[in-house]
Amino acid sequence: MPLTSEKKSEIIKKFGESEKDTGNTRVQIALLSERIAQISGHLKKAPKDHHSRRGLLMLVGQRRRLLNYLMRKDLEGYRKLIKELGIRR
C-alpha cells in the first residue's frame, strides 16, 4: 500500500523545486494526496477496515493543516496547487 519510490520521486520532481526538495509544503501536500487516494481505493474494497479509515482521517487532517499553512503564506500558490491536485475546497 505505501508509495513506490518511482511514484514518490515523480511527485517530488513535479511539485518540488529540485529532486531533493522533499520538505517543500507543495511536495508534502502532493504526497499526502497520493496516499489518501490509495487508501480511499482500498476502503472501497474493504469497507469494514476501520484501522485504515482512522489512518485516512489522520492523513486528511494533516493535509488540511498543511493547506491552511500554504494558504496563509502563499495564497496564489495555494490556489494553483488545489487546482492541479483536484482538491475541492
C-alpha atoms as a PDB file:
ATOM      1  CA  MET A   1       0.000   0.000   0.000  1.00  0.00           C
ATOM      2  CA  PRO A   2       2.855   2.514   0.504  1.00  0.00           C
ATOM      3  CA  LEU A   3       4.007   4.706  -2.354  1.00  0.00           C
ATOM      4  CA  THR A   4       6.655   3.226  -4.607  1.00  0.00           C
ATOM      5  CA  SER A   5       9.947   5.069  -4.809  1.00  0.00           C
ATOM      6  CA  GLU A   6       9.393   5.756  -8.528  1.00  0.00           C
ATOM      7  CA  LYS A   7       5.994   7.345  -7.884  1.00  0.00           C
ATOM      8  CA  LYS A   8       7.368   9.333  -4.969  1.00  0.00           C
ATOM      9  CA  SER A   9      10.307  10.694  -6.986  1.00  0.00           C
ATOM     10  CA  GLU A  10       7.942  11.572  -9.849  1.00  0.00           C
ATOM     11  CA  ILE A  11       5.747  13.623  -7.492  1.00  0.00           C
ATOM     12  CA  ILE A  12       8.814  15.320  -5.967  1.00  0.00           C
ATOM     13  CA  LYS A  13      10.086  16.308  -9.424  1.00  0.00           C
ATOM     14  CA  LYS A  14       6.685  17.652 -10.442  1.00  0.00           C
ATOM     15  CA  PHE A  15       5.903  19.721  -7.349  1.00  0.00           C
ATOM     16  CA  GLY A  16       9.353  20.446  -5.896  1.00  0.00           C
ATOM     17  CA  GLU A  17      11.999  22.890  -6.985  1.00  0.00           C
ATOM     18  CA  SER A  18      14.623  20.131  -7.188  1.00  0.00           C
ATOM     19  CA  GLU A  19      14.815  16.348  -6.898  1.00  0.00           C
ATOM     20  CA  LYS A  20      15.878  16.572  -3.244  1.00  0.00           C
ATOM     21  CA  ASP A  21      13.180  19.096  -2.263  1.00  0.00           C
ATOM     22  CA  THR A  22      11.078  16.800  -0.071  1.00  0.00           C
ATOM     23  CA  GLY A  23      10.373  19.333   2.677  1.00  0.00           C
ATOM     24  CA  ASN A  24       8.541  21.775   0.446  1.00  0.00           C
ATOM     25  CA  THR A  25       4.932  22.244   1.538  1.00  0.00           C
ATOM     26  CA  ARG A  26       3.674  21.681  -2.012  1.00  0.00           C
ATOM     27  CA  VAL A  27       5.535  18.352  -2.214  1.00  0.00           C
ATOM     28  CA  GLN A  28       4.248  17.207   1.174  1.00  0.00           C
ATOM     29  CA  ILE A  29       0.650  18.009   0.205  1.00  0.00           C
ATOM     30  CA  ALA A  30       1.017  16.198  -3.131  1.00  0.00           C
ATOM     31  CA  LEU A  31       2.480  13.087  -1.442  1.00  0.00           C
ATOM     32  CA  LEU A  32      -0.308  13.075   1.136  1.00  0.00           C
ATOM     33  CA  SER A  33      -2.892  13.430  -1.623  1.00  0.00           C
ATOM     34  CA  GLU A  34      -1.489  10.387  -3.410  1.00  0.00           C
ATOM     35  CA  ARG A  35      -1.568   8.313  -0.211  1.00  0.00           C
ATOM     36  CA  ILE A  36      -5.111   9.491   0.516  1.00  0.00           C
ATOM     37  CA  ALA A  37      -6.199   8.373  -2.956  1.00  0.00           C
ATOM     38  CA  GLN A  38      -4.620   4.939  -2.445  1.00  0.00           C
ATOM     39  CA  ILE A  39      -6.233   4.405   0.947  1.00  0.00           C
ATOM     40  CA  SER A  40      -9.608   5.604  -0.358  1.00  0.00           C
ATOM     41  CA  GLY A  41      -9.405   2.984  -3.096  1.00  0.00           C
ATOM     42  CA  HIS A  42      -8.577   0.327  -0.512  1.00  0.00           C
ATOM     43  CA  LEU A  43     -11.540   1.344   1.650  1.00  0.00           C
ATOM     44  CA  LYS A  44     -13.927   0.947  -1.286  1.00  0.00           C
ATOM     45  CA  LYS A  45     -12.902  -2.716  -1.446  1.00  0.00           C
ATOM     46  CA  ALA A  46     -12.743  -3.229   2.343  1.00  0.00           C
ATOM     47  CA  PRO A  47     -15.398  -1.003   3.938  1.00  0.00           C
ATOM     48  CA  LYS A  48     -15.029  -2.606   7.394  1.00  0.00           C
ATOM     49  CA  ASP A  49     -11.311  -1.804   7.710  1.00  0.00           C
ATOM     50  CA  HIS A  50     -11.631   0.757  10.486  1.00  0.00           C
ATOM     51  CA  HIS A  51      -7.904   0.933  11.217  1.00  0.00           C
ATOM     52  CA  SER A  52      -7.204   2.146   7.691  1.00  0.00           C
ATOM     53  CA  ARG A  53     -10.140   4.552   7.940  1.00  0.00           C
ATOM     54  CA  ARG A  54      -8.582   6.124  11.038  1.00  0.00           C
ATOM     55  CA  GLY A  55      -5.264   6.435   9.221  1.00  0.00           C
ATOM     56  CA  LEU A  56      -7.044   8.065   6.298  1.00  0.00           C
ATOM     57  CA  LEU A  57      -8.705  10.614   8.566  1.00  0.00           C
ATOM     58  CA  MET A  58      -5.349  11.424  10.159  1.00  0.00           C
ATOM     59  CA  LEU A  59      -3.772  11.968   6.715  1.00  0.00           C
ATOM     60  CA  VAL A  60      -6.664  14.175   5.620  1.00  0.00           C
ATOM     61  CA  GLY A  61      -6.259  16.268   8.780  1.00  0.00           C
ATOM     62  CA  GLN A  62      -2.526  16.619   8.230  1.00  0.00           C
ATOM     63  CA  ARG A  63      -3.092  17.673   4.608  1.00  0.00           C
ATOM     64  CA  ARG A  64      -5.728  20.184   5.752  1.00  0.00           C
ATOM     65  CA  ARG A  65      -3.267  21.751   8.205  1.00  0.00           C
ATOM     66  CA  LEU A  66      -0.573  21.996   5.517  1.00  0.00           C
ATOM     67  CA  LEU A  67      -3.075  23.537   3.090  1.00  0.00           C
ATOM     68  CA  ASN A  68      -4.088  26.111   5.705  1.00  0.00           C
ATOM     69  CA  TYR A  69      -0.413  26.973   6.231  1.00  0.00           C
ATOM     70  CA  LEU A  70       0.145  27.324   2.495  1.00  0.00           C
ATOM     71  CA  MET A  71      -2.953  29.489   2.167  1.00  0.00           C
ATOM     72  CA  ARG A  72      -1.629  31.866   4.855  1.00  0.00           C
ATOM     73  CA  LYS A  73       1.873  32.048   3.354  1.00  0.00           C
ATOM     74  CA  ASP A  74       1.222  31.922  -0.410  1.00  0.00           C
ATOM     75  CA  LEU A  75      -2.398  32.345  -1.495  1.00  0.00           C
ATOM     76  CA  GLU A  76      -1.687  32.203  -5.235  1.00  0.00           C
ATOM     77  CA  GLY A  77       0.440  29.057  -4.838  1.00  0.00           C
ATOM     78  CA  TYR A  78      -2.348  27.517  -2.747  1.00  0.00           C
ATOM     79  CA  ARG A  79      -4.937  28.153  -5.446  1.00  0.00           C
ATOM     80  CA  LYS A  80      -2.656  26.757  -8.125  1.00  0.00           C
ATOM     81  CA  LEU A  81      -1.901  23.618  -6.093  1.00  0.00           C
ATOM     82  CA  ILE A  82      -5.516  22.731  -5.288  1.00  0.00           C
ATOM     83  CA  LYS A  83      -6.373  23.207  -8.952  1.00  0.00           C
ATOM     84  CA  GLU A  84      -3.502  20.908 -10.022  1.00  0.00           C
ATOM     85  CA  LEU A  85      -4.353  18.222  -7.475  1.00  0.00           C
ATOM     86  CA  GLY A  86      -8.108  18.480  -7.981  1.00  0.00           C
ATOM     87  CA  ILE A  87      -8.776  19.033  -4.292  1.00  0.00           C
ATOM     88  CA  ARG A  88     -12.173  20.563  -3.706  1.00  0.00           C
ATOM     89  CA  ARG A  89     -12.380  23.246  -1.074  1.00  0.00           C
END
